C-alpha atoms as a PDB file:
ATOM      1  CA  MET A   1     131.156-104.847 215.547  1.00  0.00           C
ATOM      2  CA  ALA A   2     129.232-104.856 218.607  1.00  0.00           C
ATOM      3  CA  SER A   3     125.941-104.037 219.272  1.00  0.00           C
ATOM      4  CA  GLN A   4     125.666 -99.972 219.395  1.00  0.00           C
ATOM      5  CA  LYS A   5     124.059 -98.062 221.855  1.00  0.00           C
ATOM      6  CA  THR A   6     122.805 -94.397 223.205  1.00  0.00           C
ATOM      7  CA  PHE A   7     123.667 -92.623 225.790  1.00  0.00           C
ATOM      8  CA  GLU A   8     121.915 -89.677 226.893  1.00  0.00           C
ATOM      9  CA  ILE A   9     123.623 -86.120 226.978  1.00  0.00           C
ATOM     10  CA  LYS A  10     123.519 -82.948 227.597  1.00  0.00           C
ATOM     11  CA  ARG A  11     123.628 -79.569 225.702  1.00  0.00           C
ATOM     12  CA  SER A  12     126.254 -78.705 223.334  1.00  0.00           C
ATOM     13  CA  LEU A  13     129.490 -77.524 225.295  1.00  0.00           C
ATOM     14  CA  ASP A  14     127.165 -77.651 228.833  1.00  0.00           C
ATOM     15  CA  PRO A  15     130.109 -76.259 230.953  1.00  0.00           C
ATOM     16  CA  SER A  16     129.788 -79.179 233.926  1.00  0.00           C
ATOM     17  CA  SER A  17     131.479 -81.635 230.492  1.00  0.00           C
ATOM     18  CA  VAL A  18     134.143 -79.766 229.368  1.00  0.00           C
ATOM     19  CA  THR A  19     134.523 -79.378 233.140  1.00  0.00           C
ATOM     20  CA  ALA A  20     134.682 -83.038 233.856  1.00  0.00           C
ATOM     21  CA  ALA A  21     136.845 -83.430 230.888  1.00  0.00           C
ATOM     22  CA  ALA A  22     139.215 -81.406 231.607  1.00  0.00           C
ATOM     23  CA  ALA A  23     139.574 -82.698 235.278  1.00  0.00           C
ATOM     24  CA  ALA A  24     140.685 -85.906 233.625  1.00  0.00           C
ATOM     25  CA  ILE A  25     142.915 -84.810 231.462  1.00  0.00           C
ATOM     26  CA  GLU A  26     144.631 -83.354 233.857  1.00  0.00           C
ATOM     27  CA  ARG A  27     143.839 -86.135 236.916  1.00  0.00           C
ATOM     28  CA  VAL A  28     145.582 -88.317 234.264  1.00  0.00           C
ATOM     29  CA  ARG A  29     148.422 -85.865 233.330  1.00  0.00           C
ATOM     30  CA  HIS A  30     149.286 -85.024 237.032  1.00  0.00           C
ATOM     31  CA  GLN A  31     149.899 -89.001 238.221  1.00  0.00           C
ATOM     32  CA  GLY A  32     152.097 -88.670 235.255  1.00  0.00           C
ATOM     33  CA  GLY A  33     150.116 -91.054 232.936  1.00  0.00           C
ATOM     34  CA  GLY A  34     149.658 -90.733 229.042  1.00  0.00           C
ATOM     35  CA  LEU A  35     147.427 -88.602 226.392  1.00  0.00           C
ATOM     36  CA  PHE A  36     146.008 -91.127 223.567  1.00  0.00           C
ATOM     37  CA  ILE A  37     143.829 -88.851 220.923  1.00  0.00           C
ATOM     38  CA  LEU A  38     141.999 -90.888 218.191  1.00  0.00           C
ATOM     39  CA  THR A  39     140.547 -88.066 215.083  1.00  0.00           C
ATOM     40  CA  GLY A  40     139.213 -89.325 212.476  1.00  0.00           C
ATOM     41  CA  ALA A  41     138.208 -86.818 209.148  1.00  0.00           C
ATOM     42  CA  GLY A  42     136.363 -83.971 211.260  1.00  0.00           C
ATOM     43  CA  MET A  43     139.334 -82.885 212.308  1.00  0.00           C
ATOM     44  CA  SER A  44     140.184 -81.612 209.679  1.00  0.00           C
ATOM     45  CA  VAL A  45     137.321 -80.364 207.449  1.00  0.00           C
ATOM     46  CA  ALA A  46     138.154 -76.531 209.009  1.00  0.00           C
ATOM     47  CA  SER A  47     141.801 -76.666 207.388  1.00  0.00           C
ATOM     48  CA  GLY A  48     139.984 -77.344 203.799  1.00  0.00           C
ATOM     49  CA  VAL A  49     141.553 -80.891 203.754  1.00  0.00           C
ATOM     50  CA  PRO A  50     138.050 -81.985 201.667  1.00  0.00           C
ATOM     51  CA  VAL A  51     135.085 -84.818 203.463  1.00  0.00           C
ATOM     52  CA  PHE A  52     133.579 -86.883 200.301  1.00  0.00           C
ATOM     53  CA  ARG A  53     131.420 -88.973 202.499  1.00  0.00           C
ATOM     54  CA  GLY A  54     128.281 -87.158 204.206  1.00  0.00           C
ATOM     55  CA  ALA A  55     127.753 -88.599 208.000  1.00  0.00           C
ATOM     56  CA  ASP A  56     124.559 -90.656 206.289  1.00  0.00           C
ATOM     57  CA  GLY A  57     127.971 -92.071 203.418  1.00  0.00           C
ATOM     58  CA  SER A  58     126.955 -90.273 200.694  1.00  0.00           C
ATOM     59  CA  MET A  59     129.085 -89.418 198.727  1.00  0.00           C
ATOM     60  CA  SER A  60     129.887 -85.386 197.257  1.00  0.00           C
ATOM     61  CA  PRO A  61     129.143 -84.360 193.985  1.00  0.00           C
ATOM     62  CA  ASP A  62     133.478 -83.760 193.794  1.00  0.00           C
ATOM     63  CA  PHE A  63     133.289 -87.447 193.972  1.00  0.00           C
ATOM     64  CA  LEU A  64     131.028 -88.604 192.087  1.00  0.00           C
ATOM     65  CA  ARG A  65     132.905 -86.279 189.763  1.00  0.00           C
ATOM     66  CA  PHE A  66     135.211 -89.005 189.331  1.00  0.00           C
ATOM     67  CA  LEU A  67     133.243 -91.825 189.606  1.00  0.00           C
ATOM     68  CA  ALA A  68     131.834 -90.237 186.468  1.00  0.00           C
ATOM     69  CA  GLY A  69     134.345 -90.185 185.099  1.00  0.00           C
ATOM     70  CA  TYR A  70     135.970 -93.397 185.959  1.00  0.00           C
ATOM     71  CA  ASN A  71     133.064 -95.121 185.509  1.00  0.00           C
ATOM     72  CA  SER A  72     132.901 -93.627 181.045  1.00  0.00           C
ATOM     73  CA  ALA A  73     137.021 -94.894 180.781  1.00  0.00           C
ATOM     74  CA  ARG A  74     135.218 -98.359 182.155  1.00  0.00           C
ATOM     75  CA  LYS A  75     133.092 -98.973 179.745  1.00  0.00           C
ATOM     76  CA  ALA A  76     134.542 -97.935 177.056  1.00  0.00           C
ATOM     77  CA  ALA A  77     137.175-101.395 178.403  1.00  0.00           C
ATOM     78  CA  GLY A  78     133.968-102.835 178.527  1.00  0.00           C
ATOM     79  CA  LEU A  79     133.886-103.719 182.130  1.00  0.00           C
ATOM     80  CA  GLU A  80     131.554-103.277 184.771  1.00  0.00           C
ATOM     81  CA  GLU A  81     130.554-100.104 186.567  1.00  0.00           C
ATOM     82  CA  ALA A  82     131.011 -99.374 190.008  1.00  0.00           C
ATOM     83  CA  ASP A  83     128.208 -97.467 191.597  1.00  0.00           C
ATOM     84  CA  ASP A  84     129.073 -96.161 195.033  1.00  0.00           C
ATOM     85  CA  TRP A  85     133.040 -95.847 196.820  1.00  0.00           C
ATOM     86  CA  PHE A  86     132.975 -99.143 197.405  1.00  0.00           C
ATOM     87  CA  ASN A  87     133.838-100.817 194.336  1.00  0.00           C
ATOM     88  CA  PHE A  88     135.436 -97.679 193.122  1.00  0.00           C
ATOM     89  CA  SER A  89     138.016 -97.020 195.661  1.00  0.00           C
ATOM     90  CA  VAL A  90     139.898-100.782 194.766  1.00  0.00           C
ATOM     91  CA  PRO A  91     143.254-101.663 193.451  1.00  0.00           C
ATOM     92  CA  GLU A  92     141.678-102.389 190.087  1.00  0.00           C
ATOM     93  CA  MET A  93     141.211 -99.021 189.636  1.00  0.00           C
ATOM     94  CA  PHE A  94     145.161 -98.919 189.311  1.00  0.00           C
ATOM     95  CA  GLU A  95     145.320-100.879 185.863  1.00  0.00           C
ATOM     96  CA  SER A  96     145.594 -99.427 182.762  1.00  0.00           C
ATOM     97  CA  ALA A  97     142.489 -99.312 181.639  1.00  0.00           C
ATOM     98  CA  THR A  98     141.931 -96.954 184.394  1.00  0.00           C
ATOM     99  CA  ALA A  99     145.114 -95.952 185.770  1.00  0.00           C
ATOM    100  CA  LYS A 100     144.581 -91.695 184.168  1.00  0.00           C
ATOM    101  CA  GLU A 101     141.338 -91.708 185.968  1.00  0.00           C
ATOM    102  CA  ALA A 102     141.959 -93.392 189.107  1.00  0.00           C
ATOM    103  CA  TRP A 103     144.544 -90.649 189.617  1.00  0.00           C
ATOM    104  CA  HIS A 104     142.530 -87.812 188.475  1.00  0.00           C
ATOM    105  CA  TYR A 105     140.450 -88.208 191.587  1.00  0.00           C
ATOM    106  CA  TRP A 106     143.451 -89.098 193.933  1.00  0.00           C
ATOM    107  CA  ARG A 107     145.676 -86.580 191.929  1.00  0.00           C
ATOM    108  CA  TRP A 108     142.920 -83.734 193.523  1.00  0.00           C
ATOM    109  CA  ARG A 109     142.937 -85.646 197.484  1.00  0.00           C
ATOM    110  CA  MET A 110     146.351 -85.186 197.203  1.00  0.00           C
ATOM    111  CA  LEU A 111     146.995 -81.782 196.026  1.00  0.00           C
ATOM    112  CA  ARG A 112     143.775 -80.765 197.927  1.00  0.00           C
ATOM    113  CA  ALA A 113     145.267 -82.106 201.478  1.00  0.00           C
ATOM    114  CA  ILE A 114     148.700 -79.659 200.835  1.00  0.00           C
ATOM    115  CA  VAL A 115     146.798 -76.761 203.727  1.00  0.00           C
ATOM    116  CA  GLU A 116     147.920 -75.462 207.050  1.00  0.00           C
ATOM    117  CA  PRO A 117     146.587 -76.490 209.785  1.00  0.00           C
ATOM    118  CA  ALA A 118     143.745 -74.932 211.010  1.00  0.00           C
ATOM    119  CA  ALA A 119     143.270 -74.236 214.470  1.00  0.00           C
ATOM    120  CA  ASP A 120     141.728 -76.910 215.790  1.00  0.00           C
ATOM    121  CA  TYR A 121     145.206 -78.833 215.002  1.00  0.00           C
ATOM    122  CA  LYS A 122     147.277 -75.942 216.425  1.00  0.00           C
ATOM    123  CA  LEU A 123     144.968 -75.764 219.219  1.00  0.00           C
ATOM    124  CA  LEU A 124     145.475 -79.900 220.152  1.00  0.00           C
ATOM    125  CA  MET A 125     149.359 -79.068 219.583  1.00  0.00           C
ATOM    126  CA  GLN A 126     148.890 -76.535 222.809  1.00  0.00           C
ATOM    127  CA  LEU A 127     146.577 -79.525 224.562  1.00  0.00           C
ATOM    128  CA  VAL A 128     149.933 -82.291 223.914  1.00  0.00           C
ATOM    129  CA  ALA A 129     152.532 -79.563 224.676  1.00  0.00           C
ATOM    130  CA  THR A 130     150.240 -79.896 228.470  1.00  0.00           C
ATOM    131  CA  PHE A 131     152.355 -83.822 228.311  1.00  0.00           C
ATOM    132  CA  GLU A 132     155.955 -85.281 228.557  1.00  0.00           C
ATOM    133  CA  HIS A 133     156.002 -85.943 224.729  1.00  0.00           C
ATOM    134  CA  ASP A 134     156.957 -90.048 225.149  1.00  0.00           C
ATOM    135  CA  LYS A 135     153.395 -89.447 227.045  1.00  0.00           C
ATOM    136  CA  VAL A 136     151.124 -88.907 224.211  1.00  0.00           C
ATOM    137  CA  PHE A 137     150.420 -90.618 220.307  1.00  0.00           C
ATOM    138  CA  ILE A 138     147.366 -89.877 218.188  1.00  0.00           C
ATOM    139  CA  GLU A 139     145.777 -92.746 215.941  1.00  0.00           C
ATOM    140  CA  THR A 140     144.274 -91.113 213.397  1.00  0.00           C
ATOM    141  CA  SER A 141     142.225 -92.551 210.047  1.00  0.00           C
ATOM    142  CA  ASN A 142     143.162 -89.343 207.841  1.00  0.00           C
ATOM    143  CA  CYS A 143     146.293 -89.497 205.654  1.00  0.00           C
ATOM    144  CA  ASP A 144     146.518 -85.726 205.487  1.00  0.00           C
ATOM    145  CA  SER A 145     149.863 -85.403 207.829  1.00  0.00           C
ATOM    146  CA  LEU A 146     148.174 -82.161 209.060  1.00  0.00           C
ATOM    147  CA  HIS A 147     149.322 -83.982 212.391  1.00  0.00           C
ATOM    148  CA  LEU A 148     152.885 -83.793 211.522  1.00  0.00           C
ATOM    149  CA  ARG A 149     152.932 -80.797 209.493  1.00  0.00           C
ATOM    150  CA  ALA A 150     150.925 -78.755 213.069  1.00  0.00           C
ATOM    151  CA  GLY A 151     154.023 -80.460 214.555  1.00  0.00           C
ATOM    152  CA  LEU A 152     153.604 -83.822 216.347  1.00  0.00           C
ATOM    153  CA  HIS A 153     156.695 -85.611 216.070  1.00  0.00           C
ATOM    154  CA  ALA A 154     156.520 -88.680 213.531  1.00  0.00           C
ATOM    155  CA  ASP A 155     157.757 -91.371 216.064  1.00  0.00           C
ATOM    156  CA  SER A 156     153.985 -90.412 218.377  1.00  0.00           C
ATOM    157  CA  LEU A 157     152.215 -91.331 214.636  1.00  0.00           C
ATOM    158  CA  HIS A 158     150.120 -94.137 213.744  1.00  0.00           C
ATOM    159  CA  GLU A 159     147.739 -93.863 210.000  1.00  0.00           C
ATOM    160  CA  ILE A 160     145.896 -96.341 210.198  1.00  0.00           C
ATOM    161  CA  HIS A 161     145.098 -95.967 206.676  1.00  0.00           C
ATOM    162  CA  GLY A 162     148.090 -94.997 205.389  1.00  0.00           C
ATOM    163  CA  SER A 163     149.407 -91.395 203.977  1.00  0.00           C
ATOM    164  CA  LEU A 164     149.270 -89.468 201.470  1.00  0.00           C
ATOM    165  CA  SER A 165     153.232 -88.169 201.365  1.00  0.00           C
ATOM    166  CA  ARG A 166     153.838 -91.550 200.455  1.00  0.00           C
ATOM    167  CA  LEU A 167     153.450 -94.000 197.757  1.00  0.00           C
ATOM    168  CA  GLN A 168     154.415 -97.435 196.337  1.00  0.00           C
ATOM    169  CA  CYS A 169     154.149 -99.328 193.576  1.00  0.00           C
ATOM    170  CA  SER A 170     150.388-100.598 192.670  1.00  0.00           C
ATOM    171  CA  GLU A 171     151.236-104.307 191.626  1.00  0.00           C
ATOM    172  CA  PRO A 172     152.830-104.301 193.655  1.00  0.00           C
ATOM    173  CA  CYS A 173     156.525-105.044 192.581  1.00  0.00           C
ATOM    174  CA  CYS A 174     158.417-104.356 195.677  1.00  0.00           C
ATOM    175  CA  GLN A 175     157.896-103.158 198.853  1.00  0.00           C
ATOM    176  CA  THR A 176     159.641 -99.724 198.272  1.00  0.00           C
ATOM    177  CA  LEU A 177     157.898 -96.474 199.761  1.00  0.00           C
ATOM    178  CA  GLN A 178     158.233 -93.061 197.779  1.00  0.00           C
ATOM    179  CA  THR A 179     158.354 -89.762 199.247  1.00  0.00           C
ATOM    180  CA  VAL A 180     155.855 -87.924 197.492  1.00  0.00           C
ATOM    181  CA  ASP A 181     158.382 -84.299 196.979  1.00  0.00           C
ATOM    182  CA  GLU A 182     158.162 -80.921 195.628  1.00  0.00           C
ATOM    183  CA  ALA A 183     158.762 -82.754 192.467  1.00  0.00           C
ATOM    184  CA  VAL A 184     155.771 -85.229 192.596  1.00  0.00           C
ATOM    185  CA  LEU A 185     153.743 -82.622 193.538  1.00  0.00           C
ATOM    186  CA  ARG A 186     154.977 -80.245 190.329  1.00  0.00           C
ATOM    187  CA  ARG A 187     153.942 -82.949 187.771  1.00  0.00           C
ATOM    188  CA  LEU A 188     150.450 -83.842 189.722  1.00  0.00           C
ATOM    189  CA  GLU A 189     149.534 -79.987 189.291  1.00  0.00           C
ATOM    190  CA  CYS A 190     150.831 -79.244 185.799  1.00  0.00           C
ATOM    191  CA  GLU A 191     149.927 -82.147 184.496  1.00  0.00           C
ATOM    192  CA  PRO A 192     146.628 -82.999 184.820  1.00  0.00           C
ATOM    193  CA  ASP A 193     146.135 -85.816 183.064  1.00  0.00           C
ATOM    194  CA  TRP A 194     149.977 -87.808 184.261  1.00  0.00           C
ATOM    195  CA  VAL A 195     150.334 -90.715 185.758  1.00  0.00           C
ATOM    196  CA  PRO A 196     153.596 -91.375 187.819  1.00  0.00           C
ATOM    197  CA  MET A 197     154.631 -95.083 186.393  1.00  0.00           C
ATOM    198  CA  CYS A 198     157.087 -96.661 188.821  1.00  0.00           C
ATOM    199  CA  GLU A 199     160.476 -97.469 188.214  1.00  0.00           C
ATOM    200  CA  GLY A 200     161.526-100.719 189.666  1.00  0.00           C
ATOM    201  CA  CYS A 201     159.012-102.828 187.572  1.00  0.00           C
ATOM    202  CA  GLY A 202     158.470-100.123 184.763  1.00  0.00           C
ATOM    203  CA  ASN A 203     155.198-101.977 183.781  1.00  0.00           C
ATOM    204  CA  ALA A 204     152.126-100.473 186.793  1.00  0.00           C
ATOM    205  CA  CYS A 205     151.855 -97.302 187.915  1.00  0.00           C
ATOM    206  CA  LEU A 206     152.430 -96.206 191.340  1.00  0.00           C
ATOM    207  CA  ARG A 207     149.336 -95.690 194.007  1.00  0.00           C
ATOM    208  CA  PRO A 208     149.381 -93.714 196.887  1.00  0.00           C
ATOM    209  CA  ASN A 209     150.262 -95.689 200.255  1.00  0.00           C
ATOM    210  CA  VAL A 210     147.013 -95.718 201.236  1.00  0.00           C
ATOM    211  CA  CYS A 211     144.340 -98.743 202.433  1.00  0.00           C
ATOM    212  CA  ILE A 212     141.376 -98.967 199.900  1.00  0.00           C
ATOM    213  CA  PHE A 213     138.809-101.729 199.491  1.00  0.00           C
ATOM    214  CA  GLY A 214     140.469-104.887 199.208  1.00  0.00           C
ATOM    215  CA  ASP A 215     143.548-103.907 199.533  1.00  0.00           C
ATOM    216  CA  GLY A 216     146.357-107.042 198.966  1.00  0.00           C
ATOM    217  CA  GLN A 217     148.265-105.040 197.308  1.00  0.00           C
ATOM    218  CA  LEU A 218     149.209-101.949 199.733  1.00  0.00           C
ATOM    219  CA  VAL A 219     152.721-102.399 201.221  1.00  0.00           C
ATOM    220  CA  CYS A 220     151.692-102.725 205.021  1.00  0.00           C
ATOM    221  CA  SER A 221     155.166-102.298 206.794  1.00  0.00           C
ATOM    222  CA  GLU A 222     154.890 -98.836 207.836  1.00  0.00           C
ATOM    223  CA  ILE A 223     151.937 -98.917 208.446  1.00  0.00           C
ATOM    224  CA  MET A 224     152.529-101.744 210.694  1.00  0.00           C
ATOM    225  CA  ALA A 225     155.503 -99.822 211.985  1.00  0.00           C
ATOM    226  CA  GLN A 226     153.336 -96.938 213.458  1.00  0.00           C
ATOM    227  CA  ALA A 227     150.366 -99.536 214.837  1.00  0.00           C
ATOM    228  CA  LYS A 228     153.092-101.842 217.235  1.00  0.00           C
ATOM    229  CA  ARG A 229     154.707 -98.238 218.029  1.00  0.00           C
ATOM    230  CA  ALA A 230     150.544 -97.480 219.666  1.00  0.00           C
ATOM    231  CA  GLN A 231     150.083-100.883 221.341  1.00  0.00           C
ATOM    232  CA  HIS A 232     153.235-100.791 222.934  1.00  0.00           C
ATOM    233  CA  PHE A 233     152.396 -96.539 223.548  1.00  0.00           C
ATOM    234  CA  VAL A 234     148.910 -97.884 225.514  1.00  0.00           C
ATOM    235  CA  LYS A 235     150.356-101.351 227.205  1.00  0.00           C
ATOM    236  CA  SER A 236     153.104 -98.445 228.445  1.00  0.00           C
ATOM    237  CA  PHE A 237     149.901 -97.728 230.572  1.00  0.00           C
ATOM    238  CA  GLU A 238     148.623-100.363 231.464  1.00  0.00           C
ATOM    239  CA  ARG A 239     148.439-101.209 235.020  1.00  0.00           C
ATOM    240  CA  GLU A 240     147.896-104.235 237.646  1.00  0.00           C
ATOM    241  CA  ASN A 241     144.313-104.830 239.287  1.00  0.00           C
ATOM    242  CA  ALA A 242     144.287-101.060 238.144  1.00  0.00           C
ATOM    243  CA  LYS A 243     142.416 -99.110 234.707  1.00  0.00           C
ATOM    244  CA  ALA A 244     145.363 -97.780 232.287  1.00  0.00           C
ATOM    245  CA  ASN A 245     146.948 -94.710 233.296  1.00  0.00           C
ATOM    246  CA  LEU A 246     145.365 -93.424 229.692  1.00  0.00           C
ATOM    247  CA  VAL A 247     142.073 -91.049 228.856  1.00  0.00           C
ATOM    248  CA  VAL A 248     141.404 -90.998 225.161  1.00  0.00           C
ATOM    249  CA  LEU A 249     140.514 -88.444 223.534  1.00  0.00           C
ATOM    250  CA  GLU A 250     138.135 -88.693 220.512  1.00  0.00           C
ATOM    251  CA  ILE A 251     138.028 -85.907 217.647  1.00  0.00           C
ATOM    252  CA  GLY A 252     135.837 -86.016 214.635  1.00  0.00           C
ATOM    253  CA  ALA A 253     135.292 -89.924 214.038  1.00  0.00           C
ATOM    254  CA  GLY A 254     132.101 -90.963 211.581  1.00  0.00           C
ATOM    255  CA  VAL A 255     129.999 -93.376 212.421  1.00  0.00           C
ATOM    256  CA  VAL A 256     130.148 -94.388 208.628  1.00  0.00           C
ATOM    257  CA  VAL A 257     133.311 -96.134 208.998  1.00  0.00           C
ATOM    258  CA  PRO A 258     133.700 -96.409 212.385  1.00  0.00           C
ATOM    259  CA  SER A 259     137.163 -98.091 213.069  1.00  0.00           C
ATOM    260  CA  ILE A 260     138.514 -95.090 215.196  1.00  0.00           C
ATOM    261  CA  ARG A 261     135.380 -95.046 217.191  1.00  0.00           C
ATOM    262  CA  TYR A 262     136.017 -98.082 217.880  1.00  0.00           C
ATOM    263  CA  SER A 263     139.205 -97.879 219.202  1.00  0.00           C
ATOM    264  CA  ALA A 264     138.708 -94.903 221.349  1.00  0.00           C
ATOM    265  CA  GLU A 265     135.790 -95.956 223.170  1.00  0.00           C
ATOM    266  CA  THR A 266     137.204 -99.800 223.641  1.00  0.00           C
ATOM    267  CA  VAL A 267     141.055 -97.987 224.690  1.00  0.00           C
ATOM    268  CA  GLY A 268     138.433 -95.481 226.702  1.00  0.00           C
ATOM    269  CA  ALA A 269     136.967 -98.317 228.316  1.00  0.00           C
ATOM    270  CA  ARG A 270     139.538-100.036 230.730  1.00  0.00           C
ATOM    271  CA  ALA A 271     141.815 -96.295 230.628  1.00  0.00           C
ATOM    272  CA  ALA A 272     141.180 -94.823 234.152  1.00  0.00           C
ATOM    273  CA  GLY A 273     140.526 -91.566 232.382  1.00  0.00           C
ATOM    274  CA  GLY A 274     138.082 -93.040 230.122  1.00  0.00           C
ATOM    275  CA  LEU A 275     137.191 -91.654 226.455  1.00  0.00           C
ATOM    276  CA  VAL A 276     136.185 -87.585 225.672  1.00  0.00           C
ATOM    277  CA  ARG A 277     134.229 -87.239 222.830  1.00  0.00           C
ATOM    278  CA  ILE A 278     134.768 -84.474 220.250  1.00  0.00           C
ATOM    279  CA  ASN A 279     132.188 -84.435 218.008  1.00  0.00           C
ATOM    280  CA  PRO A 280     129.560 -81.655 216.533  1.00  0.00           C
ATOM    281  CA  SER A 281     126.577 -84.221 215.817  1.00  0.00           C
ATOM    282  CA  HIS A 282     124.103 -84.012 219.020  1.00  0.00           C
ATOM    283  CA  GLU A 283     123.383 -87.662 217.828  1.00  0.00           C
ATOM    284  CA  GLU A 284     126.964 -89.489 216.852  1.00  0.00           C
ATOM    285  CA  CYS A 285     128.111 -88.794 220.710  1.00  0.00           C
ATOM    286  CA  ALA A 286     125.273 -90.301 222.238  1.00  0.00           C
ATOM    287  CA  GLN A 287     125.735 -92.674 220.028  1.00  0.00           C
ATOM    288  CA  LEU A 288     128.278 -96.129 221.524  1.00  0.00           C
ATOM    289  CA  GLN A 289     129.772 -98.874 219.361  1.00  0.00           C
ATOM    290  CA  SER A 290     131.335-100.945 222.588  1.00  0.00           C
ATOM    291  CA  GLN A 291     129.722-103.228 224.525  1.00  0.00           C
ATOM    292  CA  SER A 292     131.848-102.347 227.386  1.00  0.00           C
ATOM    293  CA  ALA A 293     129.520-101.471 230.137  1.00  0.00           C
ATOM    294  CA  SER A 294     132.025 -99.799 232.072  1.00  0.00           C
ATOM    295  CA  LEU A 295     132.781 -97.314 228.959  1.00  0.00           C
ATOM    296  CA  VAL A 296     128.925 -95.573 230.168  1.00  0.00           C
ATOM    297  CA  ALA A 297     129.863 -95.293 233.779  1.00  0.00           C
ATOM    298  CA  GLY A 298     130.164 -92.314 235.819  1.00  0.00           C
ATOM    299  CA  ASP A 299     132.304 -90.168 234.809  1.00  0.00           C
ATOM    300  CA  ASN A 300     134.404 -92.566 232.506  1.00  0.00           C
ATOM    301  CA  TYR A 301     132.866 -91.319 229.279  1.00  0.00           C
ATOM    302  CA  ALA A 302     133.020 -87.342 228.401  1.00  0.00           C
ATOM    303  CA  PRO A 303     131.047 -86.250 225.445  1.00  0.00           C
ATOM    304  CA  LEU A 304     131.429 -83.079 223.409  1.00  0.00           C
ATOM    305  CA  VAL A 305     129.054 -81.741 221.981  1.00  0.00           C
ATOM    306  CA  ALA A 306     130.836 -78.745 219.269  1.00  0.00           C
ATOM    307  CA  ARG A 307     133.242 -79.749 216.681  1.00  0.00           C
ATOM    308  CA  SER A 308     137.008 -79.378 216.923  1.00  0.00           C
ATOM    309  CA  GLU A 309     138.377 -75.594 217.517  1.00  0.00           C
ATOM    310  CA  GLU A 310     135.064 -74.724 219.984  1.00  0.00           C
ATOM    311  CA  ALA A 311     136.034 -77.529 221.995  1.00  0.00           C
ATOM    312  CA  LEU A 312     139.213 -78.110 222.648  1.00  0.00           C
ATOM    313  CA  ILE A 313     139.620 -73.681 223.248  1.00  0.00           C
ATOM    314  CA  ALA A 314     136.937 -74.644 225.824  1.00  0.00           C
ATOM    315  CA  LEU A 315     139.272 -77.198 226.965  1.00  0.00           C
ATOM    316  CA  CYS A 316     142.742 -75.369 226.443  1.00  0.00           C
ATOM    317  CA  HIS A 317     141.572 -72.840 228.703  1.00  0.00           C
ATOM    318  CA  ALA A 318     140.170 -74.812 231.448  1.00  0.00           C
ATOM    319  CA  LEU A 319     143.787 -76.514 231.247  1.00  0.00           C
ATOM    320  CA  LYS A 320     145.187 -73.212 231.320  1.00  0.00           C
ATOM    321  CA  ALA A 321     146.866 -74.693 228.393  1.00  0.00           C
ATOM    322  CA  ASP A 322     145.690 -71.609 226.118  1.00  0.00           C
END
């Protein structure tokens, strides 16, 4: 990972910052360019999807409760206990000794993700609607499918860590993906100790098609197909001897696992419209992961220190998309 930089920014939602961000988006739109949106966990907070990690990497009380149950099962089986998220959320958790406790955690995550997208998602779709359908793409670290529920076309989404809406064999015995339908959700809700088993092999349990640490068992077919569409989208706006006819909008991405931030900065550095970053943390808006000098030059970076709803209201108003 490249060394970090800091960038001096103005106070929260300074009118000139909103104007600069809106102008960058409008300029690219007017020139027939594209809008590349990247979202992190902060985007789903208002919808009620829990964040199990603090900005400093600390674990939430809910997560610590699941970790304690998991460790009790590991201790009973004579296995070494996990001390944090990085050796709890691993493929080993789905082995028979701890499958029930692993599913206590994943059941909680899956059921908590079945929510109505909050106002920020709806505002983002208003912004999306100002561009033509094929000129918008969203890349997200979220696994909750809220962008799809808010109305985004499935072909315009890259879920870099996978989706809680799909299941796979935990071995895996095959590459088959199973959609999480109403029947599965009903059993998860009504049977707290139910562990869904793979019908293909009958030996291993199912698991969400979500990337976890040390994940050599992930079935990557859908994630890779989405990634190819994302790459094609960005490439389609590249221009010879000029920056890509794109503007990048990043919302709610943290720095503990900075995948989204780094991607946003990397694409933003070579995008004509630069990067618009929405984040409530002044410090995180000031902190840059990329070494691309062009990213911090002139009007190429527009940080908005605000929660997603507040910033999107301001942008939609400035762009007359409200």
